[in-house]
Amino acid sequence: MKALGIILAGGNNNKMHELSNKRAIAAMPVGGSYRCIDFALSNMSNSHIQRVAVLTQYNARSLNEHLSSSKWWDFGRKQGGLYVFTPTLTADNGFWYRGTADAIYQNIDFLKRSHEPYVIIAAGDCVYKLDYNKVLDYHIKKKADITIVCKDMPEDMDVSRFGVLCMNEDSRIVEFEEKPMVAHSHTISTGIYVLRRRQLIEMLEKCAEEERHDLVNDVLIRYKNMKRIYGYKIDTYWSNIATVDSYYNTNMDFLKPEVRNFFYKQEPAIYSKIDDLAPAKYNVGANVHNSLVSSGCIINGTVENSMLFKQVFVGKDCVIKNSIILNDVYIGDNTHIENCIVESHDTIRANTYLSGEDGIKIVLEQNERYIM
């Protein structure tokens, strides 16, 4: 592969509310057995990109633990590998990452020491499959300075939290606005970019000189009339999990047969760190319908239209509907949970009723099992 990869996984997002209190967005569990960053990492690996840097910052402990070994994504090579970069205080710099462009600039030596002619930059908070080779071939064919992977969203969808763009007949981007108040298009940026490595270095150094720190506003939008910026449209599944509703809906999408088939059965595969857990156990009285139940779970009650992550215990006479139960949750007997996201390591006492009446309810309970 003629490119190296950079995954931006350091940002904080208050739209995730309590879910981002103890982990980075890129470390959020998705699809029963994955972390969100697994999708970008797997796409890099499947595209034969040998050198990948992950830039972390906010609440990075669990994300760094997840990335502690590169073998799960087959990056453990003599040539290349997986690099995890966190903000570092030096004699020349005393700042944390002040934006996406600044995050890459603070690790610009990684770019300068590399030999690949191109760079693929991807966000760590999106769920999708993509062959980056096809994007790079398109980029070279168009003789583009920058290529942005984009997607047409449904007309009734609010796209104001995305970068919205317009293209001409040749797919060249003529308008690009980040998080517009009123969107004039439903074509959005997916946060995946292709650039020449030397050009990226020049742009980052110029941004640093001018105290500009954001990759989208200070590079992509600023240069849209000066550089040849093209859009590469995808028509397969793509979702960003940066809000509570989008996170809930993305996981619920995995209950659809076509989405499960796309991610679980169709090649190339999505890889993740493997835990040695027993298969899910269904005791007498268990009743599971249209749900995903992960390894290590023990089910004694009713689970309907829900996703249970690893090591969830469901007590007798429990009813769980339209909910997401994260890792290592104990649910006591005769508990009713509906339209909820239950945080990991929670203990839900017996005879509890939890329901999201006006939306998705986030449930955080103290884990009494671990309190001495």
Protein backbone atom coordinates (compact mmCIF):
# COMPACT_ATOMS: atom_id res chain seq x y z
CA MET A 1 0.00 0.00 0.00
CA LYS A 2 1.33 3.43 -0.95
CA ALA A 3 -0.20 5.15 2.08
CA LEU A 4 0.13 5.34 5.83
CA GLY A 5 -2.86 5.71 8.11
CA ILE A 6 -3.81 8.17 10.84
CA ILE A 7 -6.86 7.56 13.05
CA LEU A 8 -8.15 10.53 15.05
CA ALA A 9 -9.46 9.14 18.34
CA GLY A 10 -8.70 11.84 20.90
CA GLY A 11 -11.74 14.11 20.99
CA ASN A 12 -14.33 14.64 23.71
CA ASN A 13 -18.03 14.91 22.91
CA ASN A 14 -20.60 16.11 25.42
CA LYS A 15 -23.41 14.87 23.15
CA MET A 16 -22.71 11.39 24.50
CA HIS A 17 -23.54 12.64 28.02
CA GLU A 18 -22.58 10.17 30.76
CA LEU A 19 -21.42 7.51 28.27
CA SER A 20 -18.21 9.45 27.63
CA ASN A 21 -17.45 10.03 31.33
CA LYS A 22 -15.08 7.07 31.55
CA ARG A 23 -14.03 6.28 27.97
CA ALA A 24 -13.22 7.90 24.66
CA ILE A 25 -15.94 7.80 21.98
CA ALA A 26 -13.71 5.57 19.85
CA ALA A 27 -13.70 3.01 22.69
CA MET A 28 -17.51 2.72 22.85
CA PRO A 29 -18.73 -0.89 22.48
CA VAL A 30 -20.56 -1.54 19.21
CA GLY A 31 -22.27 -4.55 17.67
CA GLY A 32 -21.98 -6.89 20.63
CA SER A 33 -18.24 -7.60 20.49
CA TYR A 34 -16.48 -4.62 18.89
CA ARG A 35 -15.12 -1.25 19.95
CA CYS A 36 -15.87 1.57 17.53
CA ILE A 37 -12.22 2.06 16.59
CA ASP A 38 -12.08 -1.58 15.40
CA PHE A 39 -13.84 -0.57 12.19
CA ALA A 40 -11.23 2.01 11.15
CA LEU A 41 -8.37 -0.28 12.24
CA SER A 42 -9.81 -3.26 10.35
CA ASN A 43 -10.32 -1.16 7.22
CA MET A 44 -6.67 -0.09 7.42
CA SER A 45 -5.50 -3.67 7.86
CA ASN A 46 -7.76 -5.04 5.12
CA SER A 47 -6.46 -2.33 2.77
CA HIS A 48 -2.88 -3.51 3.48
CA ILE A 49 -1.82 -0.26 5.12
CA GLN A 50 1.21 -1.28 7.14
CA ARG A 51 1.87 1.85 9.24
CA VAL A 52 -1.04 3.22 11.28
CA ALA A 53 -0.95 5.90 13.98
CA VAL A 54 -3.79 6.33 16.47
CA LEU A 55 -3.95 9.75 18.13
CA THR A 56 -5.60 9.54 21.56
CA GLN A 57 -6.18 12.10 24.29
CA TYR A 58 -9.48 12.31 26.18
CA ASN A 59 -10.26 9.47 28.63
CA ALA A 60 -7.83 7.24 26.77
CA ARG A 61 -7.19 4.57 29.42
CA SER A 62 -9.61 1.92 28.13
CA LEU A 63 -8.77 2.80 24.52
CA ASN A 64 -5.04 2.39 25.19
CA GLU A 65 -5.70 -0.95 26.89
CA HIS A 66 -7.68 -2.08 23.86
CA LEU A 67 -4.77 -1.08 21.59
CA SER A 68 -2.08 -2.62 23.81
CA SER A 69 -1.39 -5.35 21.26
CA SER A 70 -1.39 -4.81 17.52
CA LYS A 71 -1.77 -8.53 16.72
CA TRP A 72 -5.57 -8.43 16.67
CA TRP A 73 -5.52 -6.28 13.53
CA ASP A 74 -2.37 -7.92 12.10
CA PHE A 75 -0.14 -4.86 12.51
CA GLY A 76 2.63 -6.73 14.35
CA ARG A 77 5.10 -6.65 11.49
CA LYS A 78 8.81 -6.00 11.11
CA GLN A 79 7.91 -3.35 8.56
CA GLY A 80 5.35 -0.86 9.80
CA GLY A 81 3.10 -1.43 12.79
CA LEU A 82 0.52 0.22 15.04
CA TYR A 83 1.58 3.40 16.84
CA VAL A 84 -0.42 5.04 19.64
CA PHE A 85 0.41 8.71 20.22
CA THR A 86 -0.79 10.67 23.24
CA PRO A 87 -0.02 14.37 23.95
CA THR A 88 3.54 14.78 25.18
CA LEU A 89 5.07 17.79 26.92
CA THR A 90 8.38 18.80 25.37
CA ALA A 91 10.80 21.68 25.56
CA ASP A 92 9.09 23.16 22.48
CA ASN A 93 5.47 22.37 23.30
CA GLY A 94 3.44 22.48 26.51
CA PHE A 95 -0.05 21.99 25.03
CA TRP A 96 -2.49 19.15 24.81
CA TYR A 97 -3.96 18.64 21.36
CA ARG A 98 -5.83 21.86 20.55
CA GLY A 99 -7.61 20.43 17.52
CA THR A 100 -7.36 17.73 14.88
CA ALA A 101 -4.73 19.55 12.81
CA ASP A 102 -2.70 20.31 15.94
CA ALA A 103 -2.89 16.65 17.00
CA ILE A 104 -1.27 15.57 13.74
CA TYR A 105 1.19 18.47 13.82
CA GLN A 106 2.43 17.52 17.29
CA ASN A 107 3.30 14.12 15.80
CA ILE A 108 4.62 15.49 12.51
CA ASP A 109 7.88 13.57 12.96
CA PHE A 110 5.88 10.40 12.28
CA LEU A 111 4.98 11.84 8.87
CA LYS A 112 8.49 13.08 8.16
CA ARG A 113 10.10 9.74 9.04
CA SER A 114 7.70 7.81 6.81
CA HIS A 115 8.30 7.06 3.15
CA GLU A 116 4.77 6.41 1.87
CA PRO A 117 3.67 9.09 -0.63
CA TYR A 118 0.07 9.32 0.64
CA VAL A 119 -1.75 9.64 3.96
CA ILE A 120 -5.24 8.34 4.78
CA ILE A 121 -6.85 10.12 7.74
CA ALA A 122 -9.92 8.54 9.34
CA ALA A 123 -12.10 9.25 12.37
CA GLY A 124 -12.29 6.66 15.14
CA ASP A 125 -16.00 7.10 15.90
CA CYS A 126 -17.60 5.68 12.73
CA VAL A 127 -19.00 2.25 11.85
CA TYR A 128 -18.40 1.18 8.25
CA LYS A 129 -16.42 -0.96 5.82
CA LEU A 130 -14.28 0.62 3.13
CA ASP A 131 -11.43 -0.43 0.85
CA TYR A 132 -9.07 2.52 1.05
CA ASN A 133 -7.26 1.25 -2.06
CA LYS A 134 -10.27 2.24 -4.17
CA VAL A 135 -10.29 5.72 -2.64
CA LEU A 136 -6.56 6.13 -3.28
CA ASP A 137 -6.90 4.96 -6.90
CA TYR A 138 -9.72 7.50 -7.36
CA HIS A 139 -7.56 10.21 -5.76
CA ILE A 140 -4.68 9.50 -8.15
CA LYS A 141 -6.96 9.25 -11.20
CA LYS A 142 -8.53 12.64 -10.45
CA LYS A 143 -5.10 14.19 -9.77
CA ALA A 144 -6.66 15.54 -6.61
CA ASP A 145 -4.88 17.44 -3.87
CA ILE A 146 -7.39 16.21 -1.31
CA THR A 147 -10.10 13.54 -1.55
CA ILE A 148 -12.96 13.45 0.94
CA VAL A 149 -15.05 10.31 1.33
CA CYS A 150 -18.70 11.38 1.46
CA LYS A 151 -22.16 9.88 1.62
CA ASP A 152 -25.69 10.92 0.66
CA MET A 153 -27.93 10.89 3.72
CA PRO A 154 -31.76 10.62 3.78
CA GLU A 155 -33.59 13.85 3.04
CA ASP A 156 -35.45 13.77 6.36
CA MET A 157 -32.24 13.42 8.41
CA ASP A 158 -30.76 16.33 10.36
CA VAL A 159 -27.19 16.68 9.03
CA SER A 160 -26.29 19.85 10.93
CA ARG A 161 -23.72 18.02 13.08
CA PHE A 162 -21.72 16.93 10.01
CA GLY A 163 -19.62 18.65 7.40
CA VAL A 164 -21.97 19.28 4.46
CA LEU A 165 -20.64 19.60 0.92
CA CYS A 166 -21.73 20.13 -2.68
CA MET A 167 -19.98 18.71 -5.76
CA ASN A 168 -20.10 19.57 -9.46
CA GLU A 169 -20.56 17.10 -12.30
CA ASP A 170 -16.92 16.05 -12.08
CA SER A 171 -17.26 15.30 -8.33
CA ARG A 172 -15.08 18.29 -7.43
CA ILE A 173 -16.18 19.90 -4.19
CA VAL A 174 -17.40 23.47 -4.72
CA GLU A 175 -19.01 24.10 -1.34
CA PHE A 176 -18.05 22.79 2.08
CA GLU A 177 -19.54 23.95 5.38
CA GLU A 178 -18.84 22.42 8.77
CA LYS A 179 -21.91 21.92 11.00
CA PRO A 180 -24.15 24.42 9.19
CA MET A 181 -27.17 26.01 10.84
CA VAL A 182 -29.15 25.35 7.65
CA ALA A 183 -27.91 22.60 5.34
CA HIS A 184 -28.31 23.13 1.59
CA SER A 185 -27.27 19.57 0.78
CA HIS A 186 -27.60 16.12 2.27
CA THR A 187 -24.17 14.97 1.12
CA ILE A 188 -21.91 14.78 4.17
CA SER A 189 -18.25 14.20 4.86
CA THR A 190 -17.55 10.88 6.58
CA GLY A 191 -14.34 12.17 8.15
CA ILE A 192 -12.07 10.16 5.82
CA TYR A 193 -9.46 12.08 3.81
CA VAL A 194 -6.65 11.25 1.38
CA LEU A 195 -3.72 13.63 0.85
CA ARG A 196 -0.14 13.54 -0.33
CA ARG A 197 2.16 13.20 2.66
CA ARG A 198 4.45 16.10 1.76
CA GLN A 199 1.50 18.36 1.04
CA LEU A 200 -0.03 17.52 4.40
CA ILE A 201 3.23 18.37 6.15
CA GLU A 202 3.35 21.75 4.39
CA MET A 203 -0.28 22.52 5.29
CA LEU A 204 0.20 21.53 8.94
CA GLU A 205 3.34 23.65 9.29
CA LYS A 206 1.55 26.66 7.81
CA CYS A 207 -1.42 26.12 10.16
CA ALA A 208 0.94 25.96 13.14
CA GLU A 209 2.62 29.21 12.11
CA GLU A 210 -0.78 30.94 11.97
CA GLU A 211 -2.05 29.36 15.21
CA ARG A 212 -4.74 27.40 13.39
CA HIS A 213 -5.60 24.00 14.84
CA ASP A 214 -8.61 22.41 13.11
CA LEU A 215 -8.18 20.06 10.16
CA VAL A 216 -11.60 20.70 8.60
CA ASN A 217 -11.90 24.46 8.99
CA ASP A 218 -8.23 25.40 8.67
CA VAL A 219 -7.20 22.98 5.93
CA LEU A 220 -10.14 21.54 4.00
CA ILE A 221 -12.54 24.49 3.99
CA ARG A 222 -9.82 27.13 3.87
CA TYR A 223 -8.21 25.61 0.78
CA LYS A 224 -11.37 24.57 -1.06
CA ASN A 225 -10.95 27.25 -3.76
CA MET A 226 -7.16 26.87 -3.98
CA LYS A 227 -6.72 23.10 -4.07
CA ARG A 228 -8.29 20.37 -6.17
CA ILE A 229 -10.61 18.77 -3.59
CA TYR A 230 -12.76 15.89 -4.79
CA GLY A 231 -15.49 13.78 -3.20
CA TYR A 232 -15.61 9.98 -3.27
CA LYS A 233 -19.14 8.73 -2.59
CA ILE A 234 -19.90 5.49 -0.78
CA ASP A 235 -23.26 3.75 -0.82
CA THR A 236 -22.69 1.05 1.80
CA TYR A 237 -23.50 1.21 5.51
CA TRP A 238 -21.90 4.10 7.41
CA SER A 239 -22.82 5.57 10.77
CA ASN A 240 -21.29 8.00 13.23
CA ILE A 241 -21.93 7.25 16.93
CA ALA A 242 -21.12 10.68 18.39
CA THR A 243 -24.56 11.27 19.98
CA VAL A 244 -26.64 9.13 22.33
CA ASP A 245 -29.38 8.67 19.73
CA SER A 246 -26.95 7.76 16.94
CA TYR A 247 -25.10 5.34 19.22
CA TYR A 248 -28.38 3.66 20.19
CA ASN A 249 -29.64 3.52 16.59
CA THR A 250 -26.34 2.14 15.27
CA ASN A 251 -26.43 -0.75 17.72
CA MET A 252 -30.09 -1.37 16.97
CA ASP A 253 -29.17 -1.55 13.27
CA PHE A 254 -27.20 -4.71 14.07
CA LEU A 255 -30.52 -6.42 14.82
CA LYS A 256 -31.36 -6.07 11.12
CA PRO A 257 -30.37 -9.18 9.10
CA GLU A 258 -28.81 -7.19 6.25
CA VAL A 259 -26.54 -5.22 8.61
CA ARG A 260 -25.50 -8.34 10.54
CA ASN A 261 -24.73 -10.12 7.31
CA PHE A 262 -22.68 -7.16 6.04
CA PHE A 263 -20.45 -6.93 9.12
CA TYR A 264 -20.41 -10.49 10.46
CA LYS A 265 -20.46 -12.69 7.37
CA GLN A 266 -19.23 -10.73 4.36
CA GLU A 267 -15.51 -10.39 3.70
CA PRO A 268 -13.40 -8.52 4.57
CA ALA A 269 -13.91 -9.14 8.27
CA ILE A 270 -13.91 -6.69 11.17
CA TYR A 271 -11.34 -7.64 13.82
CA SER A 272 -11.25 -6.93 17.54
CA LYS A 273 -9.42 -7.86 20.71
CA ILE A 274 -10.60 -11.32 21.78
CA ASP A 275 -11.66 -12.20 25.33
CA ASP A 276 -11.59 -15.83 26.47
CA LEU A 277 -15.19 -16.16 27.61
CA ALA A 278 -17.67 -19.02 27.71
CA PRO A 279 -20.56 -19.04 25.23
CA ALA A 280 -23.79 -17.38 26.30
CA LYS A 281 -25.91 -19.59 28.57
CA TYR A 282 -29.71 -19.74 28.39
CA ASN A 283 -31.26 -21.22 31.52
CA VAL A 284 -34.77 -22.61 31.96
CA GLY A 285 -37.19 -19.69 31.65
CA ALA A 286 -35.04 -17.71 29.20
CA ASN A 287 -36.95 -16.18 26.29
CA VAL A 288 -34.90 -14.29 23.70
CA HIS A 289 -36.37 -12.67 20.57
CA ASN A 290 -34.63 -10.58 17.89
CA SER A 291 -31.65 -9.80 20.07
CA LEU A 292 -27.87 -10.11 20.06
CA VAL A 293 -26.41 -11.81 23.13
CA SER A 294 -22.62 -11.83 23.49
CA SER A 295 -20.30 -14.39 25.02
CA GLY A 296 -20.18 -14.73 28.79
CA CYS A 297 -23.86 -13.79 29.26
CA ILE A 298 -26.27 -15.80 31.44
CA ILE A 299 -29.96 -15.35 30.63
CA ASN A 300 -32.82 -16.32 32.95
CA GLY A 301 -35.52 -13.87 31.81
CA THR A 302 -36.98 -12.27 28.67
CA VAL A 303 -34.83 -10.30 26.21
CA GLU A 304 -36.56 -8.64 23.27
CA ASN A 305 -35.19 -6.35 20.52
CA SER A 306 -32.06 -5.68 22.57
CA MET A 307 -28.30 -5.96 22.51
CA LEU A 308 -26.40 -7.52 25.41
CA PHE A 309 -22.65 -7.10 25.46
CA LYS A 310 -20.22 -9.43 27.19
CA GLN A 311 -20.76 -10.93 30.65
CA VAL A 312 -24.29 -9.70 31.31
CA PHE A 313 -26.35 -11.58 33.91
CA VAL A 314 -30.13 -11.39 33.52
CA GLY A 315 -32.07 -12.60 36.57
CA LYS A 316 -35.32 -14.55 36.78
CA ASP A 317 -38.56 -12.93 35.61
CA CYS A 318 -36.65 -9.98 34.10
CA VAL A 319 -37.93 -8.19 31.00
CA ILE A 320 -35.48 -6.29 28.78
CA LYS A 321 -36.93 -4.53 25.74
CA ASN A 322 -35.42 -2.19 23.13
CA SER A 323 -32.32 -1.69 25.25
CA ILE A 324 -28.53 -1.86 25.14
CA ILE A 325 -26.78 -3.49 28.08
CA LEU A 326 -23.04 -2.83 28.09
CA ASN A 327 -20.32 -5.14 29.41
CA ASP A 328 -20.37 -6.81 32.82
CA VAL A 329 -23.83 -5.79 34.08
CA TYR A 330 -25.72 -7.71 36.77
CA ILE A 331 -29.52 -7.40 36.54
CA GLY A 332 -31.42 -8.62 39.57
CA ASP A 333 -34.62 -10.69 39.51
CA ASN A 334 -37.96 -9.21 38.45
CA THR A 335 -36.42 -6.15 36.81
CA HIS A 336 -37.99 -4.32 33.86
CA ILE A 337 -35.71 -2.33 31.51
CA GLU A 338 -37.07 -0.63 28.41
CA ASN A 339 -35.61 1.98 26.00
CA CYS A 340 -32.41 2.24 28.04
CA ILE A 341 -28.66 2.13 27.69
CA VAL A 342 -27.21 0.52 30.83
CA GLU A 343 -23.60 1.50 31.48
CA SER A 344 -20.97 -1.18 31.91
CA HIS A 345 -20.13 -2.65 35.34
CA ASP A 346 -23.55 -1.65 36.72
CA THR A 347 -25.51 -3.61 39.30
CA ILE A 348 -29.29 -3.28 38.87
CA ARG A 349 -31.09 -4.33 42.05
CA ALA A 350 -34.01 -6.75 41.99
CA ASN A 351 -37.54 -5.36 41.44
CA THR A 352 -36.27 -2.27 39.60
CA TYR A 353 -38.27 -0.53 36.86
CA LEU A 354 -36.30 1.54 34.32
CA SER A 355 -37.82 3.07 31.20
CA GLY A 356 -36.96 5.85 28.78
CA GLU A 357 -40.28 7.64 28.44
CA ASP A 358 -39.23 10.58 26.23
CA GLY A 359 -36.17 9.10 24.57
CA ILE A 360 -33.26 6.89 25.49
CA LYS A 361 -32.50 6.72 29.20
CA ILE A 362 -28.89 6.24 30.30
CA VAL A 363 -28.66 4.12 33.44
CA LEU A 364 -25.69 4.41 35.79
CA GLU A 365 -25.78 2.37 38.97
CA GLN A 366 -23.02 1.67 41.46
CA ASN A 367 -21.55 -1.80 41.11
CA GLU A 368 -22.00 -3.18 44.59
CA ARG A 369 -20.29 -6.43 43.63
CA TYR A 370 -16.92 -4.66 43.59
CA ILE A 371 -17.34 -2.56 46.76
CA MET A 372 -15.63 -3.92 49.86
